[in-house]
Amino acid sequence: MGIGPPTQDGFYYDFDVSRPFTPEDLESIENLMRQTIADRQPFLREELSRKEALDLFADQPYKLEIIGDLPEDTTLSIYRHGGFIDLCQGPHVDGTADIQAVKLLNIAGAYWRGDERRPMLQRIYGTAWETQQALDDYLTRLEEAERRDHRTLGRQLGLFSVHEEIGPGLIVWHPKGGVVRSLVEDYWRDIHYRHDYSIVYSPHIGRAQLWETSGHLSHYRDSMYAPLEVDEQEYFLKPMNCPFHIMVYRSSLRSYRELPLRIAELGTVYRYERSGVLHGLMRVRGFTQDDAHIFCLPEQVESEVGGVLDLTFELLDAFGFTDFSISLSTRPESYAGELDLWEHATESLRRALEQRSLVYDIDDGGGAFYGPKIDIKIKDALGRDWQCTTVQFDFNLPERFDLSFMDSEGGRSRPFMVHRAILGSLERFLGVLIEHYAGAFPLWLSPTQAVVIPIADRHQEYAESVKTRLESKGFRTEVDGRSERMNLKIRNAQLQKIPYMLVVGDREQDDDAVAVRTREGGNLGAMPVTDLLSRLADELAGRNVQQC
């Protein structure tokens, strides 16, 4: 036996077994679980010394490893349930009578303690609910989540791929995915320019000395890749963009009149992740962050944080995210910087939230050692939370790099530094976006906005002319000129999630019109091409986002 913790919506347990589990095994185990529910068996807690626990689990090597990692004087708890005994901190419900509905979901492989150098165990996932109806509702949500899986849709829609020849966790964007990503990036740049950010570009590698000064080599090296040797000096792939933005700040003597200075970048970073935790676009080894660092005066902090919040909600709203959960993380026991700076920064974060009447939770002591922060999670169409935005003070790096500005009295003062990422990782954000819309992006984000479908070969030339007219107005349009039946072409366009299908035949050609169908199956009938152009323009305008 390995470990069996709870998850957000259920539980799993890892086993080292002589053969892989089968679906038939799950059915048998599930029947036994139902029998224990019917028998109303209790969960009984006991406490043991470390030595007693070692004796009890003498034939369980994974349990012995866990116990062996604990101090000698540790008191451990176990739970008994019929003939089953396991280590567990608990607490548990009183007994199986409290469990009304249970379901074993699937089997997966999992390395012991997430380490690919350790044995591969068999993991059984399951879930338990208070009522059968709650379980049925959850299983329906699982089916919908599977239908929306960005990995499946990424292949189906030709958006991105991952290749063993290139390496796990490294994303290749295909032409259609490249269009969606470009649209996101272009809008990101546009809105940042409108909010008075300066956009920069920085290298993908930096000398070891830079990462020593920043503290990454001493605190973050396990997540960094091995160094490259160039001219007998070590260079590292960058895990973060912060030191490069600091170099921009330090490139000239700064005056208080220049502040705030807002530096932003879509900067690609590289972080080592164990292969067992890599997951499509959500967990990768190379990704692009929408990073920004704001250097400002103490009296500007509150307004700058407020400006970041306003920008955040404007940006996320454009992509269809309007439901959020927010937390404010405060000073931990061990921290860098002066106490009065922490209090000033934390109060600025708090006031910025409250001035906007935003509901938030307090994560007391949950801040990083270098500063308090605001975290914002977005809710997708299935109600799932995704970590997205972070607004983070940093009292550490300004000290390490000795940042300063010339104050109003001619002296040198230390600026406040606010790190913020709104979308977070572009890869993960696009994965969330794919699942949020189930691949059916709104018109402005769709890689192909309309496809013209000629009924016969004699309509091909007119179809091409319609395409040209739409493209001249900025609409991304294709012609499906394949020698296939019209209904098959329509079905293919619907599978590709193309918003509009424009069928053209003799009548449409004579009337300078198109027969309009939608990906949802709607038939809007024939309309003049000029009316179609007006409809598309109005739909884009309704998004409050310029077509990129």
Protein backbone atom coordinates (compact mmCIF):
# COMPACT_ATOMS: atom_id res chain seq x y z
CA MET A 1 0.00 0.00 0.00
CA GLY A 2 1.13 3.53 -0.82
CA ILE A 3 -0.89 6.58 0.18
CA GLY A 4 -4.56 7.52 -0.16
CA PRO A 5 -5.30 11.23 0.34
CA PRO A 6 -8.53 13.11 -0.40
CA THR A 7 -8.74 15.27 -3.52
CA GLN A 8 -11.03 18.19 -4.31
CA ASP A 9 -13.89 15.91 -5.40
CA GLY A 10 -12.92 12.49 -4.11
CA PHE A 11 -9.87 10.42 -3.29
CA TYR A 12 -7.26 8.07 -4.66
CA TYR A 13 -5.12 5.24 -3.36
CA ASP A 14 -1.77 3.97 -4.68
CA PHE A 15 -0.90 0.28 -4.67
CA ASP A 16 2.16 -1.73 -5.65
CA VAL A 17 0.58 -4.85 -7.15
CA SER A 18 1.83 -7.89 -9.06
CA ARG A 19 -0.39 -7.12 -12.06
CA PRO A 20 -2.25 -4.04 -13.29
CA PHE A 21 -5.77 -3.48 -12.02
CA THR A 22 -8.56 -4.03 -14.55
CA PRO A 23 -12.04 -2.51 -14.88
CA GLU A 24 -13.38 -5.82 -13.56
CA ASP A 25 -11.23 -5.35 -10.44
CA LEU A 26 -12.76 -1.92 -9.88
CA GLU A 27 -16.25 -3.39 -10.16
CA SER A 28 -15.42 -6.07 -7.57
CA ILE A 29 -13.84 -3.54 -5.19
CA GLU A 30 -16.80 -1.20 -5.59
CA ASN A 31 -19.21 -4.02 -4.69
CA LEU A 32 -17.22 -4.69 -1.52
CA MET A 33 -17.32 -0.97 -0.66
CA ARG A 34 -21.10 -0.96 -1.03
CA GLN A 35 -21.29 -3.98 1.26
CA THR A 36 -19.32 -2.13 3.98
CA ILE A 37 -21.73 0.78 3.61
CA ALA A 38 -24.67 -1.58 4.08
CA ASP A 39 -22.94 -3.13 7.13
CA ARG A 40 -22.57 0.33 8.73
CA GLN A 41 -18.98 -0.37 9.76
CA PRO A 42 -17.25 2.17 12.06
CA PHE A 43 -13.91 3.95 11.51
CA LEU A 44 -11.88 3.52 14.71
CA ARG A 45 -8.94 5.81 15.52
CA GLU A 46 -5.90 4.74 17.57
CA GLU A 47 -2.62 6.44 18.45
CA LEU A 48 0.73 4.62 18.29
CA SER A 49 4.34 5.43 18.99
CA ARG A 50 6.71 5.53 16.05
CA LYS A 51 8.18 2.16 17.10
CA GLU A 52 4.73 0.55 17.41
CA ALA A 53 3.83 1.84 13.95
CA LEU A 54 7.06 0.42 12.47
CA ASP A 55 6.19 -2.98 13.96
CA LEU A 56 2.58 -2.85 12.76
CA PHE A 57 3.54 -2.03 9.16
CA ALA A 58 6.67 -4.20 9.02
CA ASP A 59 5.53 -5.78 5.74
CA GLN A 60 4.63 -2.44 4.10
CA PRO A 61 7.81 -0.78 2.70
CA TYR A 62 6.09 2.44 1.60
CA LYS A 63 4.50 2.92 5.03
CA LEU A 64 7.87 2.24 6.65
CA GLU A 65 9.44 4.94 4.49
CA ILE A 66 6.82 7.47 5.56
CA ILE A 67 7.20 6.55 9.23
CA GLY A 68 10.99 6.60 8.91
CA ASP A 69 10.91 10.23 7.78
CA LEU A 70 9.24 11.28 11.05
CA PRO A 71 11.07 12.27 14.27
CA GLU A 72 11.64 9.56 16.91
CA ASP A 73 9.16 11.05 19.38
CA THR A 74 6.29 11.31 16.90
CA THR A 75 2.90 9.94 17.90
CA LEU A 76 1.06 8.54 14.88
CA SER A 77 -2.60 7.81 14.34
CA ILE A 78 -4.09 4.82 12.56
CA TYR A 79 -7.64 3.97 11.58
CA ARG A 80 -9.22 0.52 11.68
CA HIS A 81 -12.11 -0.35 9.42
CA GLY A 82 -13.12 -3.99 9.53
CA GLY A 83 -9.93 -5.86 8.70
CA PHE A 84 -8.29 -2.82 7.10
CA ILE A 85 -5.68 -0.78 9.01
CA ASP A 86 -3.95 2.31 7.68
CA LEU A 87 -1.88 5.29 8.73
CA CYS A 88 -3.98 8.45 8.63
CA GLN A 89 -4.07 11.81 10.40
CA GLY A 90 -7.85 11.90 9.97
CA PRO A 91 -10.38 12.94 10.96
CA HIS A 92 -12.92 10.53 9.47
CA VAL A 93 -16.67 10.32 9.54
CA ASP A 94 -17.91 7.97 12.26
CA GLY A 95 -18.60 5.10 9.91
CA THR A 96 -19.72 3.91 6.52
CA ALA A 97 -23.34 4.72 7.36
CA ASP A 98 -22.44 8.36 6.69
CA ILE A 99 -21.55 7.51 3.07
CA GLN A 100 -24.51 7.25 0.74
CA ALA A 101 -22.99 7.08 -2.76
CA VAL A 102 -19.55 5.96 -3.95
CA LYS A 103 -17.98 5.37 -7.34
CA LEU A 104 -14.55 4.19 -8.44
CA LEU A 105 -13.63 6.21 -11.50
CA ASN A 106 -10.45 5.07 -13.19
CA ILE A 107 -6.96 3.59 -12.92
CA ALA A 108 -3.70 5.43 -13.60
CA GLY A 109 0.01 4.95 -13.08
CA ALA A 110 1.80 7.14 -10.55
CA TYR A 111 5.42 7.20 -9.46
CA TRP A 112 5.98 6.79 -5.73
CA ARG A 113 6.21 10.30 -4.28
CA GLY A 114 6.04 11.73 -7.80
CA ASP A 115 9.64 10.71 -8.54
CA GLU A 116 10.17 9.00 -11.90
CA ARG A 117 13.22 7.24 -10.43
CA ARG A 118 10.97 5.43 -7.95
CA PRO A 119 8.56 2.52 -8.56
CA MET A 120 5.47 3.01 -10.69
CA LEU A 121 2.36 2.31 -8.59
CA GLN A 122 -1.23 1.65 -9.62
CA ARG A 123 -3.54 4.50 -8.61
CA ILE A 124 -7.27 4.00 -8.20
CA TYR A 125 -9.37 7.19 -8.28
CA GLY A 126 -12.78 7.35 -6.65
CA THR A 127 -15.41 9.73 -5.33
CA ALA A 128 -18.03 9.70 -2.57
CA TRP A 129 -21.10 11.91 -2.08
CA GLU A 130 -23.87 12.51 0.41
CA THR A 131 -26.61 11.40 -1.99
CA GLN A 132 -26.95 9.40 -5.20
CA GLN A 133 -28.24 12.54 -6.94
CA ALA A 134 -25.10 14.45 -5.94
CA LEU A 135 -22.97 11.61 -7.32
CA ASP A 136 -24.97 11.52 -10.57
CA ASP A 137 -24.56 15.28 -10.97
CA TYR A 138 -20.81 14.97 -10.39
CA LEU A 139 -20.49 12.17 -12.97
CA THR A 140 -22.34 14.36 -15.47
CA ARG A 141 -19.82 17.14 -14.81
CA LEU A 142 -16.99 14.68 -15.34
CA GLU A 143 -18.43 13.67 -18.71
CA GLU A 144 -18.67 17.32 -19.70
CA ALA A 145 -15.10 17.96 -18.53
CA GLU A 146 -13.92 15.04 -20.66
CA ARG A 147 -15.76 16.45 -23.66
CA ARG A 148 -13.99 19.76 -23.09
CA ASP A 149 -10.52 18.29 -22.44
CA HIS A 150 -8.09 20.72 -24.08
CA ARG A 151 -5.72 17.91 -25.04
CA THR A 152 -8.39 16.18 -27.12
CA LEU A 153 -9.70 19.44 -28.59
CA GLY A 154 -6.14 20.58 -29.29
CA ARG A 155 -5.65 17.59 -31.59
CA GLN A 156 -9.15 17.71 -33.07
CA LEU A 157 -8.96 21.42 -33.89
CA GLY A 158 -5.31 21.44 -34.93
CA LEU A 159 -4.26 23.91 -32.23
CA PHE A 160 -1.09 22.42 -30.68
CA SER A 161 0.87 19.24 -30.12
CA VAL A 162 3.61 17.72 -27.95
CA HIS A 163 6.28 15.44 -29.43
CA GLU A 164 8.62 12.95 -27.80
CA GLU A 165 11.28 13.93 -30.33
CA ILE A 166 11.21 17.49 -28.99
CA GLY A 167 10.65 16.62 -25.35
CA PRO A 168 7.77 16.36 -22.86
CA GLY A 169 6.24 19.57 -21.59
CA LEU A 170 7.32 21.57 -24.66
CA ILE A 171 4.43 22.87 -26.77
CA VAL A 172 4.37 23.22 -30.56
CA TRP A 173 1.68 25.65 -31.70
CA HIS A 174 0.05 24.79 -35.03
CA PRO A 175 -1.23 27.46 -37.45
CA LYS A 176 -4.76 27.64 -35.99
CA GLY A 177 -3.47 27.61 -32.43
CA GLY A 178 -0.97 30.24 -33.49
CA VAL A 179 -3.84 32.48 -34.62
CA VAL A 180 -5.62 32.16 -31.26
CA ARG A 181 -2.42 32.78 -29.32
CA SER A 182 -1.55 35.79 -31.51
CA LEU A 183 -5.00 37.27 -30.93
CA VAL A 184 -4.60 36.89 -27.16
CA GLU A 185 -1.11 38.40 -27.25
CA ASP A 186 -2.11 41.28 -29.53
CA TYR A 187 -5.01 42.23 -27.29
CA TRP A 188 -2.76 41.91 -24.24
CA ARG A 189 -0.25 44.33 -25.78
CA ASP A 190 -2.95 46.76 -26.83
CA ILE A 191 -4.55 46.96 -23.39
CA HIS A 192 -1.16 47.31 -21.68
CA TYR A 193 -0.17 50.21 -23.90
CA ARG A 194 -3.51 51.83 -23.06
CA HIS A 195 -2.69 51.43 -19.35
CA ASP A 196 0.72 53.12 -19.80
CA TYR A 197 2.96 50.05 -19.61
CA SER A 198 6.27 49.87 -21.47
CA ILE A 199 6.66 46.49 -23.19
CA VAL A 200 10.15 45.01 -23.32
CA TYR A 201 11.88 41.88 -24.60
CA SER A 202 14.62 40.01 -22.77
CA PRO A 203 16.99 37.09 -23.53
CA HIS A 204 16.14 33.49 -22.74
CA ILE A 205 19.42 32.91 -20.88
CA GLY A 206 21.50 34.83 -18.38
CA ARG A 207 24.88 34.49 -16.70
CA ALA A 208 25.14 32.60 -13.43
CA GLN A 209 26.11 35.81 -11.64
CA LEU A 210 22.70 37.31 -12.41
CA TRP A 211 20.89 34.35 -10.85
CA GLU A 212 23.23 34.37 -7.86
CA THR A 213 22.42 38.02 -7.19
CA SER A 214 18.68 37.39 -7.57
CA GLY A 215 18.86 34.41 -5.22
CA HIS A 216 17.44 31.95 -7.72
CA LEU A 217 20.53 29.73 -7.65
CA SER A 218 20.37 29.38 -3.88
CA HIS A 219 16.57 29.10 -3.51
CA TYR A 220 15.23 27.88 -6.86
CA ARG A 221 17.97 25.78 -8.48
CA ASP A 222 16.01 22.51 -8.32
CA SER A 223 13.53 24.04 -10.78
CA MET A 224 16.26 25.37 -13.11
CA TYR A 225 17.91 23.50 -15.95
CA ALA A 226 21.57 22.57 -16.03
CA PRO A 227 23.89 25.43 -17.04
CA LEU A 228 25.32 26.06 -20.49
CA GLU A 229 29.00 26.86 -20.69
CA VAL A 230 29.87 29.79 -22.97
CA ASP A 231 33.37 31.35 -23.02
CA GLU A 232 34.18 29.42 -19.84
CA GLN A 233 31.23 31.00 -18.02
CA GLU A 234 27.96 29.41 -16.92
CA TYR A 235 24.65 30.58 -18.36
CA PHE A 236 21.19 29.41 -17.26
CA LEU A 237 17.85 29.29 -19.05
CA LYS A 238 15.71 31.84 -17.27
CA PRO A 239 13.09 30.52 -14.83
CA MET A 240 11.70 34.04 -14.29
CA ASN A 241 11.76 37.43 -15.98
CA CYS A 242 12.26 39.59 -12.86
CA PRO A 243 16.06 40.15 -13.04
CA PHE A 244 15.84 41.34 -16.65
CA HIS A 245 13.21 43.95 -15.83
CA ILE A 246 15.38 45.08 -12.93
CA MET A 247 18.24 45.54 -15.41
CA VAL A 248 15.96 47.81 -17.47
CA TYR A 249 15.27 49.85 -14.34
CA ARG A 250 18.96 50.02 -13.47
CA SER A 251 20.01 51.01 -16.99
CA SER A 252 19.87 54.70 -16.01
CA LEU A 253 19.74 56.86 -12.90
CA ARG A 254 16.08 57.15 -11.98
CA SER A 255 14.35 60.22 -10.57
CA TYR A 256 11.20 60.23 -8.47
CA ARG A 257 9.64 62.18 -11.35
CA GLU A 258 9.90 59.08 -13.59
CA LEU A 259 7.95 56.86 -11.24
CA PRO A 260 5.82 54.83 -11.48
CA LEU A 261 7.69 52.83 -14.12
CA ARG A 262 5.62 49.93 -15.47
CA ILE A 263 7.63 47.31 -17.38
CA ALA A 264 5.79 44.40 -19.03
CA GLU A 265 6.79 41.42 -21.14
CA LEU A 266 5.40 38.26 -22.64
CA GLY A 267 8.51 36.45 -21.50
CA THR A 268 9.17 32.75 -22.10
CA VAL A 269 10.65 30.94 -19.10
CA TYR A 270 11.83 27.39 -18.49
CA ARG A 271 11.23 25.43 -15.29
CA TYR A 272 11.90 21.79 -14.58
CA GLU A 273 8.81 19.75 -13.80
CA ARG A 274 8.79 16.03 -13.13
CA SER A 275 7.44 14.12 -16.11
CA GLY A 276 4.71 12.57 -13.95
CA VAL A 277 3.05 15.94 -13.32
CA LEU A 278 3.15 17.29 -16.90
CA HIS A 279 -0.38 17.77 -18.27
CA GLY A 280 -1.11 19.20 -21.71
CA LEU A 281 -0.96 22.99 -21.62
CA MET A 282 -1.70 23.15 -17.91
CA ARG A 283 1.67 21.92 -16.64
CA VAL A 284 4.64 22.36 -18.98
CA ARG A 285 8.39 22.93 -18.90
CA GLY A 286 8.57 25.95 -21.18
CA PHE A 287 5.90 28.64 -20.99
CA THR A 288 5.29 32.33 -21.57
CA GLN A 289 4.30 34.54 -18.64
CA ASP A 290 2.54 37.88 -18.99
CA ASP A 291 4.95 39.40 -16.51
CA ALA A 292 5.13 43.00 -15.37
CA HIS A 293 7.02 44.84 -12.66
CA ILE A 294 5.99 48.21 -11.33
CA PHE A 295 8.60 50.42 -9.66
CA CYS A 296 6.94 53.16 -7.68
CA LEU A 297 7.04 55.55 -4.71
CA PRO A 298 5.51 54.51 -1.37
CA GLU A 299 2.68 57.00 -1.80
CA GLN A 300 1.88 55.54 -5.27
CA VAL A 301 1.52 51.95 -4.13
CA GLU A 302 -2.20 51.93 -3.46
CA SER A 303 -3.16 53.56 -6.75
CA GLU A 304 -0.83 51.22 -8.65
CA VAL A 305 -2.36 48.13 -7.06
CA GLY A 306 -5.79 49.52 -7.87
CA GLY A 307 -4.71 50.08 -11.46
CA VAL A 308 -3.55 46.46 -11.71
CA LEU A 309 -6.92 45.23 -10.41
CA ASP A 310 -8.81 47.39 -12.90
CA LEU A 311 -6.62 46.13 -15.74
CA THR A 312 -7.08 42.54 -14.56
CA PHE A 313 -10.87 42.59 -14.62
CA GLU A 314 -10.98 44.46 -17.93
CA LEU A 315 -8.63 41.93 -19.52
CA LEU A 316 -10.29 38.81 -18.13
CA ASP A 317 -13.77 40.11 -18.99
CA ALA A 318 -12.73 40.39 -22.63
CA PHE A 319 -12.13 36.63 -22.65
CA GLY A 320 -15.45 35.84 -20.99
CA PHE A 321 -14.35 35.36 -17.37
CA THR A 322 -16.51 37.28 -14.92
CA ASP A 323 -16.65 35.03 -11.84
CA PHE A 324 -13.68 35.21 -9.47
CA SER A 325 -12.43 34.21 -6.04
CA ILE A 326 -9.84 36.46 -4.41
CA SER A 327 -7.45 35.97 -1.50
CA LEU A 328 -5.08 38.33 0.30
CA SER A 329 -1.97 36.58 1.69
CA THR A 330 -0.22 38.27 4.60
CA ARG A 331 3.22 38.17 6.26
CA PRO A 332 4.61 34.72 7.17
CA GLU A 333 6.69 34.08 10.29
CA SER A 334 9.96 34.27 8.32
CA TYR A 335 10.14 37.28 6.03
CA ALA A 336 12.46 39.71 4.26
CA GLY A 337 12.16 43.49 4.53
CA GLU A 338 11.12 45.89 7.26
CA LEU A 339 7.92 45.35 9.25
CA ASP A 340 6.58 48.83 8.47
CA LEU A 341 7.00 48.17 4.73
CA TRP A 342 5.02 44.95 5.06
CA GLU A 343 2.24 46.73 6.92
CA HIS A 344 2.13 49.55 4.38
CA ALA A 345 2.03 47.11 1.44
CA THR A 346 -0.58 44.83 3.02
CA GLU A 347 -2.83 47.76 3.88
CA SER A 348 -2.48 49.07 0.31
CA LEU A 349 -3.61 45.71 -1.06
CA ARG A 350 -6.52 45.62 1.37
CA ARG A 351 -7.70 49.16 0.58
CA ALA A 352 -7.45 48.59 -3.18
CA LEU A 353 -9.73 45.56 -2.83
CA GLU A 354 -12.22 47.24 -0.53
CA GLN A 355 -12.43 50.43 -2.59
CA ARG A 356 -13.71 48.24 -5.42
CA SER A 357 -16.12 46.39 -3.12
CA LEU A 358 -14.39 43.10 -3.93
CA VAL A 359 -15.07 40.11 -1.68
CA TYR A 360 -11.87 38.38 -0.59
CA ASP A 361 -10.52 35.84 1.88
CA ILE A 362 -7.51 36.37 4.16
CA ASP A 363 -4.74 33.78 3.95
CA ASP A 364 -3.08 34.72 7.21
CA GLY A 365 0.67 34.12 6.98
CA GLY A 366 0.33 32.78 3.42
CA GLY A 367 2.44 35.45 1.72
CA ALA A 368 5.83 34.70 0.20
CA PHE A 369 8.82 35.56 2.38
CA TYR A 370 9.50 38.60 0.22
CA GLY A 371 6.07 40.28 0.27
CA PRO A 372 2.26 40.10 0.65
CA LYS A 373 0.12 39.32 -2.37
CA ILE A 374 -3.32 39.13 -3.93
CA ASP A 375 -4.29 35.95 -5.80
CA ILE A 376 -7.26 35.85 -8.16
CA LYS A 377 -8.78 32.61 -9.42
CA ILE A 378 -11.15 32.53 -12.36
CA LYS A 379 -14.14 30.20 -12.61
CA ASP A 380 -14.71 28.45 -15.92
CA ALA A 381 -17.97 27.27 -17.49
CA LEU A 382 -17.94 24.15 -15.27
CA GLY A 383 -17.41 26.16 -12.09
CA ARG A 384 -13.80 25.04 -11.70
CA ASP A 385 -11.28 27.43 -10.14
CA TRP A 386 -8.05 28.25 -11.97
CA GLN A 387 -5.24 30.28 -10.46
CA CYS A 388 -4.67 33.17 -12.80
CA THR A 389 -3.66 36.59 -11.46
CA THR A 390 -1.05 37.41 -8.83
CA VAL A 391 -0.23 40.89 -7.51
CA GLN A 392 2.91 40.43 -5.40
CA PHE A 393 5.07 42.89 -3.48
CA ASP A 394 8.79 42.13 -3.49
CA PHE A 395 11.03 43.59 -0.75
CA ASN A 396 13.82 41.14 -1.53
CA LEU A 397 15.01 41.89 -5.07
CA PRO A 398 15.26 45.70 -4.68
CA GLU A 399 17.66 45.03 -1.79
CA ARG A 400 19.63 42.36 -3.63
CA PHE A 401 20.09 44.57 -6.69
CA ASP A 402 20.43 47.77 -4.63
CA LEU A 403 17.71 49.62 -6.55
CA SER A 404 17.29 53.31 -5.90
CA PHE A 405 15.93 56.57 -7.25
CA MET A 406 16.78 60.22 -6.67
CA ASP A 407 14.13 61.55 -4.29
CA SER A 408 12.76 65.10 -4.08
CA GLU A 409 15.50 66.10 -1.62
CA GLY A 410 18.33 64.84 -3.81
CA GLY A 411 18.97 61.69 -1.78
CA ARG A 412 18.81 58.02 -2.74
CA SER A 413 15.66 56.07 -1.82
CA ARG A 414 14.54 52.52 -2.41
CA PRO A 415 11.53 52.07 -4.75
CA PHE A 416 8.64 49.77 -4.02
CA MET A 417 8.52 46.87 -6.51
CA VAL A 418 5.26 45.16 -7.43
CA HIS A 419 5.38 41.97 -9.49
CA ARG A 420 2.18 41.05 -11.30
CA ALA A 421 0.99 38.48 -13.81
CA ILE A 422 -2.62 38.65 -14.97
CA LEU A 423 -3.09 35.69 -17.31
CA GLY A 424 -0.23 33.84 -15.64
CA SER A 425 1.15 31.23 -18.02
CA LEU A 426 -0.19 31.82 -21.54
CA GLU A 427 -0.11 28.09 -22.16
CA ARG A 428 -2.25 27.33 -19.12
CA PHE A 429 -4.57 30.28 -19.81
CA LEU A 430 -5.15 29.06 -23.37
CA GLY A 431 -5.79 25.55 -22.03
CA VAL A 432 -8.41 27.00 -19.68
CA LEU A 433 -9.84 29.08 -22.54
CA ILE A 434 -10.18 26.00 -24.77
CA GLU A 435 -12.04 24.10 -22.04
CA HIS A 436 -14.15 27.10 -21.01
CA TYR A 437 -15.53 27.41 -24.56
CA ALA A 438 -15.24 23.67 -25.39
CA GLY A 439 -13.18 24.82 -28.40
CA ALA A 440 -16.05 26.97 -29.74
CA PHE A 441 -14.26 30.30 -29.31
CA PRO A 442 -16.20 33.57 -29.61
CA LEU A 443 -16.07 35.11 -33.06
CA TRP A 444 -13.14 37.44 -32.37
CA LEU A 445 -10.96 34.56 -31.12
CA SER A 446 -11.94 31.91 -33.69
CA PRO A 447 -9.00 31.00 -35.94
CA THR A 448 -11.43 30.67 -38.86
CA GLN A 449 -14.49 32.87 -38.54
CA ALA A 450 -16.37 31.72 -41.62
CA VAL A 451 -16.10 29.01 -44.26
CA VAL A 452 -17.67 29.40 -47.71
CA ILE A 453 -19.11 26.13 -49.03
CA PRO A 454 -19.81 25.95 -52.80
CA ILE A 455 -22.53 23.44 -53.70
CA ALA A 456 -20.96 22.53 -57.05
CA ASP A 457 -17.74 23.20 -58.93
CA ARG A 458 -19.42 25.98 -60.96
CA HIS A 459 -19.88 27.94 -57.71
CA GLN A 460 -16.21 27.83 -56.76
CA GLU A 461 -15.32 31.16 -58.36
CA TYR A 462 -18.19 32.95 -56.59
CA ALA A 463 -17.18 31.31 -53.29
CA GLU A 464 -13.67 32.67 -53.73
CA SER A 465 -15.04 36.16 -54.41
CA VAL A 466 -17.10 36.02 -51.19
CA LYS A 467 -13.99 34.96 -49.30
CA THR A 468 -12.05 37.89 -50.76
CA ARG A 469 -14.75 40.36 -49.72
CA LEU A 470 -14.83 39.04 -46.16
CA GLU A 471 -11.06 39.04 -45.89
CA SER A 472 -10.92 42.63 -47.14
CA LYS A 473 -12.96 43.56 -44.04
CA GLY A 474 -10.60 41.65 -41.78
CA PHE A 475 -12.59 38.41 -41.34
CA ARG A 476 -10.63 35.16 -41.36
CA THR A 477 -12.32 33.08 -44.06
CA GLU A 478 -11.75 29.79 -45.87
CA VAL A 479 -13.34 28.08 -48.87
CA ASP A 480 -14.10 24.35 -48.67
CA GLY A 481 -13.75 23.43 -52.34
CA ARG A 482 -13.44 19.69 -51.81
CA SER A 483 -15.47 17.36 -53.96
CA GLU A 484 -17.66 16.23 -51.08
CA ARG A 485 -21.36 16.42 -50.33
CA MET A 486 -22.51 19.78 -48.94
CA ASN A 487 -23.87 18.23 -45.71
CA LEU A 488 -20.51 16.56 -45.07
CA LYS A 489 -18.74 19.91 -45.49
CA ILE A 490 -21.19 21.53 -43.07
CA ARG A 491 -20.63 18.74 -40.55
CA ASN A 492 -16.87 19.12 -40.87
CA ALA A 493 -17.10 22.87 -40.26
CA GLN A 494 -19.23 22.26 -37.16
CA LEU A 495 -16.66 19.76 -35.83
CA GLN A 496 -13.99 22.39 -36.41
CA LYS A 497 -16.10 24.84 -34.35
CA ILE A 498 -16.20 27.43 -37.17
CA PRO A 499 -18.83 30.06 -36.21
CA TYR A 500 -20.39 30.57 -39.65
CA MET A 501 -20.92 28.34 -42.70
CA LEU A 502 -21.81 30.23 -45.88
CA VAL A 503 -23.39 27.97 -48.50
CA VAL A 504 -23.45 29.28 -52.07
CA GLY A 505 -25.31 27.87 -55.06
CA ASP A 506 -27.03 29.20 -58.17
CA ARG A 507 -29.55 31.35 -56.29
CA GLU A 508 -26.98 32.88 -53.96
CA GLN A 509 -24.65 33.56 -56.86
CA ASP A 510 -27.41 35.35 -58.80
CA ASP A 511 -28.49 37.40 -55.73
CA ASP A 512 -24.98 38.26 -54.41
CA ALA A 513 -25.96 36.43 -51.24
CA VAL A 514 -25.00 33.52 -48.99
CA ALA A 515 -27.09 30.93 -47.12
CA VAL A 516 -25.92 31.24 -43.53
CA ARG A 517 -25.67 28.42 -41.02
CA THR A 518 -24.12 28.49 -37.55
CA ARG A 519 -21.95 25.93 -35.77
CA GLU A 520 -24.75 25.38 -33.23
CA GLY A 521 -26.95 24.07 -36.07
CA GLY A 522 -28.95 27.21 -36.69
CA ASN A 523 -30.12 28.02 -40.23
CA LEU A 524 -30.32 31.80 -40.73
CA GLY A 525 -31.35 31.48 -44.36
CA ALA A 526 -30.12 33.52 -47.29
CA MET A 527 -28.85 37.06 -46.79
CA PRO A 528 -26.96 39.54 -48.95
CA VAL A 529 -23.21 39.54 -48.43
CA THR A 530 -23.43 43.17 -47.30
CA ASP A 531 -25.89 42.19 -44.56
CA LEU A 532 -23.61 39.38 -43.46
CA LEU A 533 -20.68 41.79 -43.17
CA SER A 534 -22.80 44.09 -41.00
CA ARG A 535 -23.85 41.16 -38.80
CA LEU A 536 -20.26 40.03 -38.26
CA ALA A 537 -19.12 43.57 -37.51
CA ASP A 538 -21.93 44.03 -34.97
CA GLU A 539 -21.06 40.73 -33.27
CA LEU A 540 -17.44 41.80 -32.91
CA ALA A 541 -18.43 45.21 -31.60
CA GLY A 542 -20.59 43.52 -28.96
CA ARG A 543 -17.48 41.94 -27.47
CA ASN A 544 -16.01 45.39 -26.68
CA VAL A 545 -12.77 44.05 -28.12
CA GLN A 546 -11.19 45.30 -31.29
CA GLN A 547 -10.70 42.66 -33.97
CA CYS A 548 -6.97 41.94 -33.99
